C-alpha atoms as a PDB file:
ATOM      1  CA  UNK A   1     -93.198 -78.272  49.488  1.00  0.00           C
ATOM      2  CA  UNK A   2     -96.321 -76.124  49.773  1.00  0.00           C
ATOM      3  CA  UNK A   3     -99.223 -76.958  52.072  1.00  0.00           C
ATOM      4  CA  UNK A   4    -101.411 -77.793  49.053  1.00  0.00           C
ATOM      5  CA  UNK A   5     -98.755 -80.092  47.597  1.00  0.00           C
ATOM      6  CA  UNK A   6     -98.415 -81.923  50.907  1.00  0.00           C
ATOM      7  CA  UNK A   7    -102.172 -82.418  51.122  1.00  0.00           C
ATOM      8  CA  UNK A   8    -102.338 -83.733  47.555  1.00  0.00           C
ATOM      9  CA  UNK A   9     -99.427 -86.095  48.227  1.00  0.00           C
ATOM     10  CA  UNK A  10    -101.135 -87.504  51.332  1.00  0.00           C
ATOM     11  CA  UNK A  11    -104.344 -88.003  49.386  1.00  0.00           C
ATOM     12  CA  UNK A  12    -102.477 -89.906  46.667  1.00  0.00           C
ATOM     13  CA  UNK A  13    -100.817 -92.040  49.348  1.00  0.00           C
ATOM     14  CA  UNK A  14    -104.276 -93.116  50.512  1.00  0.00           C
ATOM     15  CA  UNK A  15    -105.262 -93.755  46.879  1.00  0.00           C
ATOM     16  CA  UNK A  16    -102.252 -96.052  46.499  1.00  0.00           C
ATOM     17  CA  UNK A  17    -103.259 -98.020  49.610  1.00  0.00           C
ATOM     18  CA  UNK A  18    -106.755 -98.524  48.240  1.00  0.00           C
ATOM     19  CA  UNK A  19    -105.557 -99.343  44.721  1.00  0.00           C
ATOM     20  CA  UNK A  20    -103.112-101.908  46.100  1.00  0.00           C
ATOM     21  CA  UNK A  21    -106.082-103.564  47.821  1.00  0.00           C
ATOM     22  CA  UNK A  22    -107.712-104.150  44.449  1.00  0.00           C
ATOM     23  CA  UNK A  23    -110.286-101.355  44.402  1.00  0.00           C
ATOM     24  CA  UNK A  24    -111.218 -99.779  41.096  1.00  0.00           C
ATOM     25  CA  UNK A  25    -110.633 -96.077  40.531  1.00  0.00           C
ATOM     26  CA  UNK A  26    -114.325 -95.302  41.065  1.00  0.00           C
ATOM     27  CA  UNK A  27    -114.456 -97.346  44.256  1.00  0.00           C
ATOM     28  CA  UNK A  28    -111.478 -95.673  45.851  1.00  0.00           C
ATOM     29  CA  UNK A  29    -112.640 -92.201  44.850  1.00  0.00           C
ATOM     30  CA  UNK A  30    -115.951 -93.028  46.551  1.00  0.00           C
ATOM     31  CA  UNK A  31    -114.219 -94.325  49.699  1.00  0.00           C
ATOM     32  CA  UNK A  32    -111.877 -91.330  49.873  1.00  0.00           C
ATOM     33  CA  UNK A  33    -114.858 -89.023  49.482  1.00  0.00           C
ATOM     34  CA  UNK A  34    -116.529 -90.581  52.532  1.00  0.00           C
ATOM     35  CA  UNK A  35    -113.313 -90.376  54.566  1.00  0.00           C
ATOM     36  CA  UNK A  36    -112.625 -86.780  53.523  1.00  0.00           C
ATOM     37  CA  UNK A  37    -116.197 -85.812  54.360  1.00  0.00           C
ATOM     38  CA  UNK A  38    -115.758 -87.192  57.890  1.00  0.00           C
ATOM     39  CA  UNK A  39    -112.379 -85.489  58.241  1.00  0.00           C
ATOM     40  CA  UNK A  40    -113.605 -82.120  56.959  1.00  0.00           C
ATOM     41  CA  UNK A  41    -116.717 -82.200  59.163  1.00  0.00           C
ATOM     42  CA  UNK A  42    -114.406 -82.678  62.154  1.00  0.00           C
ATOM     43  CA  UNK A  43    -112.093 -79.862  61.030  1.00  0.00           C
ATOM     44  CA  UNK A  44    -115.005 -77.505  60.413  1.00  0.00           C
ATOM     45  CA  UNK A  45    -116.577 -78.107  63.813  1.00  0.00           C
ATOM     46  CA  UNK A  46    -113.244 -77.624  65.616  1.00  0.00           C
ATOM     47  CA  UNK A  47    -112.359 -74.437  63.716  1.00  0.00           C
ATOM     48  CA  UNK A  48    -115.792 -72.888  64.211  1.00  0.00           C
ATOM     49  CA  UNK A  49    -116.302 -74.194  67.721  1.00  0.00           C
ATOM     50  CA  UNK A  50    -119.679 -75.606  66.737  1.00  0.00           C
ATOM     51  CA  UNK A  51    -121.133 -79.100  67.084  1.00  0.00           C
ATOM     52  CA  UNK A  52    -120.277 -81.466  64.269  1.00  0.00           C
ATOM     53  CA  UNK A  53    -122.929 -82.520  61.781  1.00  0.00           C
ATOM     54  CA  UNK A  54    -121.664 -86.068  62.350  1.00  0.00           C
ATOM     55  CA  UNK A  55    -123.200 -87.728  65.430  1.00  0.00           C
ATOM     56  CA  UNK A  56    -120.831 -88.407  68.307  1.00  0.00           C
ATOM     57  CA  UNK A  57    -119.132 -91.770  67.973  1.00  0.00           C
ATOM     58  CA  UNK A  58    -119.290 -91.817  64.168  1.00  0.00           C
ATOM     59  CA  UNK A  59    -116.900 -89.013  63.243  1.00  0.00           C
ATOM     60  CA  UNK A  60    -113.229 -88.820  62.307  1.00  0.00           C
ATOM     61  CA  UNK A  61    -111.954 -88.946  65.922  1.00  0.00           C
ATOM     62  CA  UNK A  62    -113.722 -92.290  66.441  1.00  0.00           C
ATOM     63  CA  UNK A  63    -111.766 -93.763  63.511  1.00  0.00           C
ATOM     64  CA  UNK A  64    -108.429 -92.495  64.822  1.00  0.00           C
ATOM     65  CA  UNK A  65    -108.911 -94.311  68.137  1.00  0.00           C
ATOM     66  CA  UNK A  66    -109.134 -97.756  66.526  1.00  0.00           C
ATOM     67  CA  UNK A  67    -106.961-100.106  64.541  1.00  0.00           C
ATOM     68  CA  UNK A  68    -107.091-103.482  62.803  1.00  0.00           C
ATOM     69  CA  UNK A  69    -110.399-105.327  62.706  1.00  0.00           C
ATOM     70  CA  UNK A  70    -111.972-102.885  65.170  1.00  0.00           C
ATOM     71  CA  UNK A  71    -111.287-100.033  62.739  1.00  0.00           C
ATOM     72  CA  UNK A  72    -112.750-102.015  59.839  1.00  0.00           C
ATOM     73  CA  UNK A  73    -115.908-102.939  61.744  1.00  0.00           C
ATOM     74  CA  UNK A  74    -116.448 -99.431  63.097  1.00  0.00           C
ATOM     75  CA  UNK A  75    -115.956 -97.828  59.667  1.00  0.00           C
ATOM     76  CA  UNK A  76    -118.533-100.177  58.128  1.00  0.00           C
ATOM     77  CA  UNK A  77    -120.953 -99.478  61.008  1.00  0.00           C
ATOM     78  CA  UNK A  78    -120.356 -95.726  60.609  1.00  0.00           C
ATOM     79  CA  UNK A  79    -121.289 -95.825  56.920  1.00  0.00           C
ATOM     80  CA  UNK A  80    -124.436 -97.804  57.691  1.00  0.00           C
ATOM     81  CA  UNK A  81    -125.546 -95.560  60.554  1.00  0.00           C
ATOM     82  CA  UNK A  82    -124.911 -92.288  58.733  1.00  0.00           C
ATOM     83  CA  UNK A  83    -126.898 -93.597  55.760  1.00  0.00           C
ATOM     84  CA  UNK A  84    -129.930 -94.005  58.043  1.00  0.00           C
ATOM     85  CA  UNK A  85    -129.899 -90.359  59.164  1.00  0.00           C
ATOM     86  CA  UNK A  86    -132.408 -87.829  57.955  1.00  0.00           C
ATOM     87  CA  UNK A  87    -131.565 -84.813  55.866  1.00  0.00           C
ATOM     88  CA  UNK A  88    -128.484 -84.220  53.767  1.00  0.00           C
ATOM     89  CA  UNK A  89    -126.261 -86.461  55.911  1.00  0.00           C
ATOM     90  CA  UNK A  90    -128.458 -89.468  55.148  1.00  0.00           C
ATOM     91  CA  UNK A  91    -128.516 -88.597  51.462  1.00  0.00           C
ATOM     92  CA  UNK A  92    -124.714 -88.402  51.298  1.00  0.00           C
ATOM     93  CA  UNK A  93    -124.161 -91.749  53.016  1.00  0.00           C
ATOM     94  CA  UNK A  94    -127.214 -93.644  51.739  1.00  0.00           C
ATOM     95  CA  UNK A  95    -126.119 -96.963  50.240  1.00  0.00           C
ATOM     96  CA  UNK A  96    -122.522 -96.246  51.312  1.00  0.00           C
ATOM     97  CA  UNK A  97    -120.539 -99.377  51.968  1.00  0.00           C
ATOM     98  CA  UNK A  98    -117.004-100.468  52.546  1.00  0.00           C
ATOM     99  CA  UNK A  99    -115.995-101.903  49.158  1.00  0.00           C
ATOM    100  CA  UNK A 100    -113.074-103.950  50.427  1.00  0.00           C
ATOM    101  CA  UNK A 101    -112.472-106.081  53.494  1.00  0.00           C
ATOM    102  CA  UNK A 102    -109.387-104.026  54.325  1.00  0.00           C
ATOM    103  CA  UNK A 103    -110.259-100.497  53.224  1.00  0.00           C
ATOM    104  CA  UNK A 104    -108.099 -98.716  55.746  1.00  0.00           C
ATOM    105  CA  UNK A 105    -104.556 -99.417  56.816  1.00  0.00           C
ATOM    106  CA  UNK A 106    -104.363-101.436  60.028  1.00  0.00           C
ATOM    107  CA  UNK A 107    -103.997 -98.124  61.828  1.00  0.00           C
ATOM    108  CA  UNK A 108    -104.443 -94.568  60.613  1.00  0.00           C
ATOM    109  CA  UNK A 109    -101.163 -92.661  60.889  1.00  0.00           C
ATOM    110  CA  UNK A 110    -100.823 -90.669  64.125  1.00  0.00           C
ATOM    111  CA  UNK A 111    -101.309 -86.931  63.971  1.00  0.00           C
ATOM    112  CA  UNK A 112     -98.049 -85.043  63.801  1.00  0.00           C
ATOM    113  CA  UNK A 113     -97.495 -81.430  64.821  1.00  0.00           C
ATOM    114  CA  UNK A 114     -98.385 -79.211  61.881  1.00  0.00           C
ATOM    115  CA  UNK A 115    -100.114 -82.040  60.029  1.00  0.00           C
ATOM    116  CA  UNK A 116    -103.436 -80.633  58.893  1.00  0.00           C
ATOM    117  CA  UNK A 117    -104.685 -83.822  57.259  1.00  0.00           C
ATOM    118  CA  UNK A 118    -104.815 -86.095  60.305  1.00  0.00           C
END
């Protein structure tokens, strides 16, 4: 399976989790967009060796450290805080909200060697 196919499959796996939680197509596309934005901002800063556009404590690594209710609460707080920021970051996350009480799985899957999505 190619790298692109693996990435697409992982994305659809997240879509299935959200759909099973009762989110509409538009809602889960919106939620995945927020999550992918956080993930890609982290990847970009690590690859370039530059500071992330996401303030410390609100980026992808902060989500990976948590599980259960703590993950849910932190994700909701992250959306709220990023929406208050100035510039493009605030525009992207303005009015962002967690559409479902259990948006994320109880724990994000651990990063595996060679896994570029986590």
